[in-house]
Structures are given as C-alpha cells and as structure tokens.
Amino acid sequence: MSELNNIALKIIGNGKGILAADESTGTMTKRLENVKVKSSSENRLKFRHTLFSSKSMTTCIGGVILYDETIKQEFDSRKIPKIISDKGAVPGIKVDTGAKNLANSSEEKITEGLDGLRDRLKEYYKLGARFTKWRGVYIISNNYPSKIAISTNAHALARYSALAQEAGMVPIVEPEVLMDGNHTAEICLTKTSEVIKKCFEELILQKVDLKGVILKPNMILPGSKSDQKISSDEVAELTLKCLNESVPNEIPGIAFLSGGQTEIEATKNLDTINKKNKSAFIMSYSYGRALQQSALKYWSKNLDDVNGTQNVFNHRANMCSLASQGKWTEQVEKK
C-alpha cells in the first residue's frame, strides 16, 4: 500500500496535477464539433498527443486520465501510456461506464461499471495504467441529492476503489455535486459535505486504504442559475471548511475538478484555496476543459501547428501549477 501512496504523491505532489483527457467519444465529438473539427479517431488522437508530448508534461502534469479508446492507441508506433510515462507522468484510466438513471427516479443518476471491472482493471494495468477514475454525479434541488442517491453512489465508489487497489492502482474518487441549479454556495456546502462524508464512510467500511486514494471533489460554488455572486476568497473559505470537516487526514491529497468554471476562474479559485490552506492536504487540480479549452480552440485553426498549440497548453498548465502552490497572480497570467 505504500507503493500506492507513492504513486498518489507523484501524481499531485511538487506543484503537479492531473490532465483529465478521459472524455468519452461522444463528449469529445461535441468538443471537436464546437470548434468545427471532424471527430475521427485520428483527430481525437492527434489533439491529445499534441498535449501529451508538450514540455509542461514534465513540469506541471503528474498524471493523465485516459479513455478506453486512447489507452489502446499508438502514435508513430509508440504506445500512448509509454509516451506519457516517458514524460515522467503517470498514465491513468477512467473505468466507470457512465451515469445512468437511478431506478425509480426520473432525475437522479447512479454510475455504472462494476460488472466485469476486476478483469478490466487487470487489462488496464497491463496496458500501463497505475491509477483509475470513477465519477459519481449528484444534483441539488429542494429534494436532492436524496439519501438513496448519496448512499448508492458512495457504495459504488467504494467498491470500485477496493477493486482498483486490489489491482495495484490508485483510485480517484470523484463525487461531483453539479453546479446546475439556482442554489446558494451555502447549500452547496451542506450537500457536498454530506456527499463526501458518506463516501468516506463507505470507503472505510470496505477497507480501502485511504493513504492510496485521491479525492476529486467540486469546489463550493453557487449554482450556475443562482443570482448569488461570491469572491474567490469566499469560494476558498467555504471549500476549505467543507474539506477540513469531511475528509480524513490519511488521504494524501485532493485534486479539484473544474466543473463549469472558466480557465481563469478555476485557476484563481485554486490559487486562493492554496493561499489559505493550513491543512496537511495537497490541494491540486484534475482539469479537463480548464486545461484544454484554449489549446483546442487554437489547434482547431491549424491541426498541424503542434508548437503553437503546445505553447497555449504549456501556459495554462504552468498557471495551474502555480495555483496549486499558491503562487499564481493576475500579473503572471498576462505575461
């Protein structure tokens, strides 16, 4: 288990974070179509390889979450996990099969993928993966998240985590309380705390070693349809209150999801969290859009401009790395 702790620290320690490049084919197709690029397996790989071969992979990215399609691909006869590990980062893999409707509920979701997971994990380990990801999703409204959604998703996250550790991989536990809705940040704090506490209750019950787990939570924010406006300082204070009261001390660190924030918002809020963080937890990032969006827009204008795209990505990754150490400023952002 000490090996799992070492892997976790390699992924999010020393100012590094996670590039979440695990978009499903459907999601990646939408992202590419939004920038007028045809979604073929070649184009999906071309964009991802541009990021995976960039300079900041050695300095800012400690781990990359891959999708099933990508982990099995090669670029110029080199396997994708090898390209990532040669840069000093750890290859990882999304192993859930997506959020489906919770039985007897028209609105809430349960994440599926436990059937056959043990054998899939063995295959992914052979392909080079050393960490895994599973995402549970929760909505906020007057009645939600319900106790059954909180309980069943926590149970699934814990069962997945136990299987991942059994296979020699670090599980990323991602209970995402969605920004959708008109709720206040204070309600987000209450609901997120309830969700995270239940997750750890189940992880402990199922004998998961918390020293070999990375938590990937949402920050505490008002709903996307809320009239409430709060500062980065308030986001940081509420987020730290949630985590300090809900997360056991044994876990090595936390890698936030960006969850609907812009690149700058996700960077600034992470930086403020780290400037105020007095806990022993590493507070890092596991960003998808908040690391890739500017690079994707730039790349879409010329798919062969590798250097230009990498420069855009390197800047964003550097900013996230600084934020994970509480060293980001608006001045350095503009350089």
Protein backbone atom coordinates (compact mmCIF):
# COMPACT_ATOMS: atom_id res chain seq x y z
CA MET A 1 0.00 0.00 0.00
CA SER A 2 2.97 2.35 0.50
CA GLU A 3 3.53 2.00 -3.25
CA LEU A 4 0.02 3.36 -3.88
CA ASN A 5 0.78 6.31 -1.60
CA ASN A 6 3.98 6.97 -3.58
CA ILE A 7 2.03 6.91 -6.86
CA ALA A 8 -0.59 9.31 -5.46
CA LEU A 9 2.12 11.74 -4.32
CA LYS A 10 3.87 11.50 -7.69
CA ILE A 11 0.61 12.44 -9.43
CA ILE A 12 -0.29 15.52 -7.35
CA GLY A 13 2.89 16.45 -5.44
CA ASN A 14 5.53 19.08 -6.23
CA GLY A 15 3.21 21.51 -7.97
CA LYS A 16 1.85 18.90 -10.38
CA GLY A 17 -1.74 18.00 -11.18
CA ILE A 18 -3.84 15.84 -13.47
CA LEU A 19 -4.80 16.34 -17.10
CA ALA A 20 -8.28 14.85 -17.45
CA ALA A 21 -8.23 13.64 -21.07
CA ASP A 22 -10.82 10.93 -20.49
CA GLU A 23 -13.71 12.42 -22.44
CA SER A 24 -15.87 9.71 -23.97
CA THR A 25 -16.07 9.56 -27.76
CA GLY A 26 -19.48 11.30 -27.56
CA THR A 27 -18.21 14.13 -25.37
CA MET A 28 -15.03 14.58 -27.40
CA THR A 29 -17.12 14.66 -30.59
CA LYS A 30 -19.17 17.55 -29.18
CA ARG A 31 -16.00 19.43 -28.16
CA LEU A 32 -14.45 18.99 -31.62
CA GLU A 33 -17.65 19.87 -33.47
CA ASN A 34 -17.92 23.05 -31.37
CA VAL A 35 -14.61 24.18 -32.92
CA LYS A 36 -15.53 22.89 -36.41
CA VAL A 37 -13.17 19.88 -36.40
CA LYS A 38 -14.31 16.46 -37.63
CA SER A 39 -14.35 13.90 -34.80
CA SER A 40 -12.40 10.93 -36.14
CA SER A 41 -10.25 8.61 -34.03
CA GLU A 42 -7.23 10.11 -35.84
CA ASN A 43 -8.18 13.69 -34.95
CA ARG A 44 -9.01 12.81 -31.35
CA LEU A 45 -5.61 11.14 -31.02
CA LYS A 46 -3.80 13.95 -32.85
CA PHE A 47 -5.06 16.59 -30.42
CA ARG A 48 -4.40 14.50 -27.34
CA HIS A 49 -0.91 13.52 -28.50
CA THR A 50 -0.11 17.20 -29.07
CA LEU A 51 -0.80 17.78 -25.37
CA PHE A 52 0.88 14.56 -24.17
CA SER A 53 4.13 15.45 -25.96
CA SER A 54 4.28 19.03 -24.67
CA LYS A 55 7.01 20.44 -22.42
CA SER A 56 4.70 21.07 -19.45
CA MET A 57 4.00 17.33 -19.17
CA THR A 58 7.33 17.00 -17.33
CA THR A 59 6.91 20.03 -15.07
CA CYS A 60 3.18 20.52 -14.42
CA ILE A 61 1.33 17.27 -15.18
CA GLY A 62 1.77 14.36 -12.78
CA GLY A 63 -0.93 12.13 -14.25
CA VAL A 64 -3.19 11.83 -17.30
CA ILE A 65 -6.64 10.21 -17.17
CA LEU A 66 -7.26 8.37 -20.43
CA TYR A 67 -10.35 6.95 -22.09
CA ASP A 68 -10.58 3.30 -23.19
CA GLU A 69 -10.01 4.27 -26.85
CA THR A 70 -6.90 6.33 -26.09
CA ILE A 71 -5.05 3.95 -23.76
CA LYS A 72 -5.03 1.36 -26.56
CA GLN A 73 -3.80 3.73 -29.28
CA GLU A 74 -0.30 4.33 -30.67
CA PHE A 75 1.25 7.43 -32.22
CA ASP A 76 4.21 6.91 -34.58
CA SER A 77 4.45 3.29 -33.34
CA ARG A 78 4.70 4.39 -29.69
CA LYS A 79 2.02 3.36 -27.23
CA ILE A 80 0.19 6.27 -25.60
CA PRO A 81 0.83 5.14 -21.96
CA LYS A 82 4.57 4.87 -22.80
CA ILE A 83 4.59 8.40 -24.28
CA ILE A 84 3.04 9.70 -21.05
CA SER A 85 5.30 7.74 -18.67
CA ASP A 86 8.41 8.74 -20.65
CA LYS A 87 7.49 12.36 -19.84
CA GLY A 88 7.54 11.46 -16.13
CA ALA A 89 3.74 11.45 -15.72
CA VAL A 90 1.57 8.53 -14.61
CA PRO A 91 -0.97 7.06 -17.08
CA GLY A 92 -4.47 6.61 -15.63
CA ILE A 93 -7.80 5.33 -16.91
CA LYS A 94 -11.48 6.16 -16.48
CA VAL A 95 -13.18 2.88 -15.60
CA ASP A 96 -16.85 3.73 -14.99
CA THR A 97 -19.29 3.26 -17.87
CA GLY A 98 -21.25 6.44 -17.24
CA ALA A 99 -24.11 7.81 -15.17
CA LYS A 100 -27.50 6.21 -15.82
CA ASN A 101 -30.91 6.98 -14.36
CA LEU A 102 -31.25 5.80 -10.78
CA ALA A 103 -34.04 3.20 -10.62
CA ASN A 104 -37.35 4.76 -9.53
CA SER A 105 -36.01 8.26 -10.10
CA SER A 106 -36.51 10.43 -13.17
CA GLU A 107 -33.81 12.95 -12.28
CA GLU A 108 -31.00 11.40 -10.21
CA LYS A 109 -28.16 9.25 -11.54
CA ILE A 110 -26.17 6.20 -10.50
CA THR A 111 -22.80 5.48 -12.08
CA GLU A 112 -22.46 2.01 -13.58
CA GLY A 113 -19.47 -0.15 -14.50
CA LEU A 114 -18.85 -2.55 -11.60
CA ASP A 115 -19.77 -5.65 -13.64
CA GLY A 116 -16.58 -7.15 -15.06
CA LEU A 117 -14.46 -4.38 -13.52
CA ARG A 118 -11.92 -6.71 -11.88
CA ASP A 119 -10.92 -8.19 -15.26
CA ARG A 120 -10.89 -4.79 -16.99
CA LEU A 121 -8.58 -3.44 -14.29
CA LYS A 122 -6.12 -6.27 -14.90
CA GLU A 123 -6.11 -5.41 -18.61
CA TYR A 124 -5.59 -1.70 -17.95
CA TYR A 125 -2.72 -2.45 -15.57
CA LYS A 126 -1.02 -4.47 -18.32
CA LEU A 127 -1.52 -1.53 -20.69
CA GLY A 128 0.38 0.71 -18.24
CA ALA A 129 -2.31 2.40 -16.13
CA ARG A 130 -1.37 2.99 -12.49
CA PHE A 131 -4.38 4.99 -11.37
CA THR A 132 -8.10 4.94 -12.13
CA LYS A 133 -11.10 7.26 -12.04
CA TRP A 134 -14.79 6.80 -11.26
CA ARG A 135 -17.25 9.71 -11.21
CA GLY A 136 -20.48 9.87 -9.26
CA VAL A 137 -22.83 12.77 -10.04
CA TYR A 138 -25.34 14.48 -7.77
CA ILE A 139 -27.85 17.25 -8.42
CA ILE A 140 -29.02 19.90 -5.98
CA SER A 141 -32.66 20.96 -5.65
CA ASN A 142 -35.20 21.14 -2.84
CA ASN A 143 -35.36 17.33 -2.66
CA TYR A 144 -31.95 16.34 -3.99
CA PRO A 145 -29.49 14.83 -3.63
CA SER A 146 -31.66 12.17 -1.99
CA LYS A 147 -30.32 9.83 0.68
CA ILE A 148 -30.60 6.91 -1.75
CA ALA A 149 -28.52 8.71 -4.44
CA ILE A 150 -25.89 9.69 -1.86
CA SER A 151 -25.77 6.16 -0.43
CA THR A 152 -25.77 4.14 -3.67
CA ASN A 153 -23.14 6.30 -5.38
CA ALA A 154 -20.91 6.19 -2.27
CA HIS A 155 -21.25 2.40 -2.18
CA ALA A 156 -20.29 2.12 -5.88
CA LEU A 157 -17.30 4.49 -5.43
CA ALA A 158 -16.07 2.39 -2.51
CA ARG A 159 -16.48 -0.94 -4.29
CA TYR A 160 -14.64 0.44 -7.32
CA SER A 161 -11.86 1.81 -5.09
CA ALA A 162 -11.34 -1.53 -3.34
CA LEU A 163 -11.04 -3.30 -6.70
CA ALA A 164 -8.65 -0.67 -8.06
CA GLN A 165 -6.33 -1.00 -5.06
CA GLU A 166 -6.52 -4.79 -5.31
CA ALA A 167 -5.25 -4.40 -8.91
CA GLY A 168 -2.34 -2.21 -7.77
CA MET A 169 -3.78 1.14 -8.89
CA VAL A 170 -4.64 4.37 -7.06
CA PRO A 171 -8.38 5.12 -7.23
CA ILE A 172 -9.51 8.69 -7.85
CA VAL A 173 -12.82 9.10 -6.02
CA GLU A 174 -14.90 11.75 -7.81
CA PRO A 175 -18.21 12.64 -6.17
CA GLU A 176 -19.30 15.64 -8.25
CA VAL A 177 -22.11 17.79 -6.91
CA LEU A 178 -23.13 19.57 -10.10
CA MET A 179 -23.26 23.36 -10.47
CA ASP A 180 -26.60 23.14 -12.30
CA GLY A 181 -29.36 24.91 -10.41
CA ASN A 182 -30.15 28.13 -8.56
CA HIS A 183 -28.85 27.07 -5.14
CA THR A 184 -26.59 29.21 -2.96
CA ALA A 185 -22.98 28.39 -2.11
CA GLU A 186 -24.10 27.67 1.46
CA ILE A 187 -26.49 24.96 0.22
CA CYS A 188 -23.70 23.58 -2.00
CA LEU A 189 -21.52 23.41 1.14
CA THR A 190 -24.15 21.46 3.10
CA LYS A 191 -24.90 18.99 0.29
CA THR A 192 -21.26 18.47 -0.77
CA SER A 193 -20.24 17.83 2.84
CA GLU A 194 -22.97 15.22 3.18
CA VAL A 195 -21.89 13.51 -0.05
CA ILE A 196 -18.17 13.44 0.84
CA LYS A 197 -18.74 12.19 4.40
CA LYS A 198 -20.86 9.30 3.09
CA CYS A 199 -18.17 8.42 0.53
CA PHE A 200 -15.51 8.09 3.22
CA GLU A 201 -17.85 6.17 5.48
CA GLU A 202 -18.23 3.59 2.68
CA LEU A 203 -14.51 3.62 1.77
CA ILE A 204 -13.60 2.81 5.38
CA LEU A 205 -16.34 0.17 5.61
CA GLN A 206 -14.93 -1.57 2.52
CA LYS A 207 -11.35 -1.49 3.88
CA VAL A 208 -9.98 0.90 1.26
CA ASP A 209 -6.55 2.23 2.30
CA LEU A 210 -7.09 5.99 2.40
CA LYS A 211 -3.35 6.66 2.03
CA GLY A 212 -3.65 5.34 -1.54
CA VAL A 213 -6.69 7.41 -2.62
CA ILE A 214 -7.02 10.80 -4.33
CA LEU A 215 -10.27 12.72 -3.79
CA LYS A 216 -11.58 14.69 -6.79
CA PRO A 217 -14.35 16.98 -5.49
CA ASN A 218 -16.10 20.08 -6.76
CA MET A 219 -15.28 23.45 -5.23
CA ILE A 220 -18.05 25.10 -3.20
CA LEU A 221 -19.82 27.48 -5.58
CA PRO A 222 -23.31 28.90 -6.10
CA GLY A 223 -25.45 27.19 -8.74
CA SER A 224 -25.00 28.30 -12.34
CA LYS A 225 -28.53 29.82 -12.31
CA SER A 226 -28.13 31.47 -8.92
CA ASP A 227 -28.13 35.26 -8.51
CA GLN A 228 -25.53 34.92 -5.77
CA LYS A 229 -22.07 36.24 -6.60
CA ILE A 230 -19.19 35.30 -4.31
CA SER A 231 -15.50 36.16 -4.37
CA SER A 232 -12.56 33.78 -4.73
CA ASP A 233 -11.87 34.34 -1.02
CA GLU A 234 -15.37 33.12 -0.15
CA VAL A 235 -15.09 30.14 -2.53
CA ALA A 236 -11.81 29.18 -0.87
CA GLU A 237 -13.10 29.58 2.70
CA LEU A 238 -16.25 27.53 2.06
CA THR A 239 -14.32 24.84 0.14
CA LEU A 240 -11.69 24.50 2.89
CA LYS A 241 -14.40 24.36 5.56
CA CYS A 242 -16.09 21.52 3.64
CA LEU A 243 -12.91 19.50 3.17
CA ASN A 244 -11.43 20.05 6.63
CA GLU A 245 -14.67 18.85 8.22
CA SER A 246 -15.39 15.96 5.82
CA VAL A 247 -12.10 14.39 4.69
CA PRO A 248 -9.98 12.05 6.89
CA ASN A 249 -6.38 13.15 7.46
CA GLU A 250 -4.94 9.96 5.94
CA ILE A 251 -5.60 10.86 2.31
CA PRO A 252 -2.53 12.27 0.55
CA GLY A 253 -4.35 14.94 -1.38
CA ILE A 254 -7.21 16.49 -3.24
CA ALA A 255 -7.37 17.22 -6.98
CA PHE A 256 -10.28 19.53 -7.77
CA LEU A 257 -12.46 19.22 -10.83
CA SER A 258 -13.13 22.48 -12.68
CA GLY A 259 -16.87 21.78 -13.05
CA GLY A 260 -18.19 24.52 -15.32
CA GLN A 261 -15.68 27.20 -14.31
CA THR A 262 -13.71 29.12 -16.93
CA GLU A 263 -9.97 28.52 -17.18
CA ILE A 264 -9.23 31.71 -15.22
CA GLU A 265 -11.88 31.05 -12.55
CA ALA A 266 -10.60 27.51 -11.98
CA THR A 267 -7.02 28.80 -11.72
CA LYS A 268 -7.79 31.77 -9.48
CA ASN A 269 -10.00 29.78 -7.10
CA LEU A 270 -7.40 27.01 -6.78
CA ASP A 271 -4.72 29.60 -6.06
CA THR A 272 -6.81 31.27 -3.36
CA ILE A 273 -7.56 27.88 -1.77
CA ASN A 274 -3.82 27.19 -1.58
CA LYS A 275 -3.01 30.64 -0.20
CA LYS A 276 -5.48 29.96 2.64
CA ASN A 277 -4.85 26.23 3.11
CA LYS A 278 -3.45 25.44 6.56
CA SER A 279 -4.18 21.71 6.42
CA ALA A 280 -1.72 18.96 5.53
CA PHE A 281 -3.69 18.12 2.36
CA ILE A 282 -2.11 18.75 -1.03
CA MET A 283 -4.66 20.84 -2.98
CA SER A 284 -4.11 20.31 -6.71
CA TYR A 285 -6.09 20.08 -9.94
CA SER A 286 -7.65 17.46 -12.17
CA TYR A 287 -8.89 19.64 -15.00
CA GLY A 288 -10.32 18.79 -18.41
CA ARG A 289 -11.75 21.84 -20.13
CA ALA A 290 -9.93 24.24 -17.78
CA LEU A 291 -6.60 22.89 -19.08
CA GLN A 292 -7.53 22.16 -22.70
CA GLN A 293 -10.08 24.67 -23.96
CA SER A 294 -7.74 27.44 -25.17
CA ALA A 295 -5.37 24.90 -26.71
CA LEU A 296 -8.29 23.19 -28.50
CA LYS A 297 -9.52 26.50 -29.95
CA TYR A 298 -6.02 27.37 -31.16
CA TRP A 299 -5.41 23.89 -32.60
CA SER A 300 -8.72 23.90 -34.48
CA LYS A 301 -7.45 26.70 -36.76
CA ASN A 302 -4.49 24.59 -37.94
CA LEU A 303 -4.30 20.93 -36.90
CA ASP A 304 -0.63 20.78 -37.88
CA ASP A 305 0.51 23.70 -35.71
CA VAL A 306 1.84 21.49 -32.93
CA ASN A 307 4.25 24.05 -31.44
CA GLY A 308 1.67 26.83 -31.28
CA THR A 309 -0.90 24.57 -29.65
CA GLN A 310 1.66 23.30 -27.15
CA ASN A 311 2.62 26.88 -26.23
CA VAL A 312 -1.01 27.65 -25.37
CA PHE A 313 -1.34 24.43 -23.35
CA ASN A 314 2.01 24.97 -21.59
CA HIS A 315 0.91 28.42 -20.43
CA ARG A 316 -2.34 27.10 -18.99
CA ALA A 317 -0.62 24.14 -17.30
CA ASN A 318 2.02 26.46 -15.82
CA MET A 319 -0.71 28.72 -14.42
CA CYS A 320 -2.46 25.73 -12.81
CA SER A 321 0.83 24.52 -11.37
CA LEU A 322 1.48 27.94 -9.81
CA ALA A 323 -2.08 27.97 -8.45
CA SER A 324 -1.57 24.56 -6.85
CA GLN A 325 1.29 26.14 -4.88
CA GLY A 326 -0.50 29.42 -4.09
CA LYS A 327 1.93 31.30 -6.36
CA TRP A 328 -0.39 32.46 -9.17
CA THR A 329 -1.11 36.16 -9.77
CA GLU A 330 -3.09 38.05 -12.40
CA GLN A 331 0.18 39.68 -13.47
CA VAL A 332 1.91 36.34 -14.16
CA GLU A 333 -1.22 35.18 -16.03
CA LYS A 334 -0.81 38.03 -18.52
CA LYS A 335 2.92 37.52 -19.20
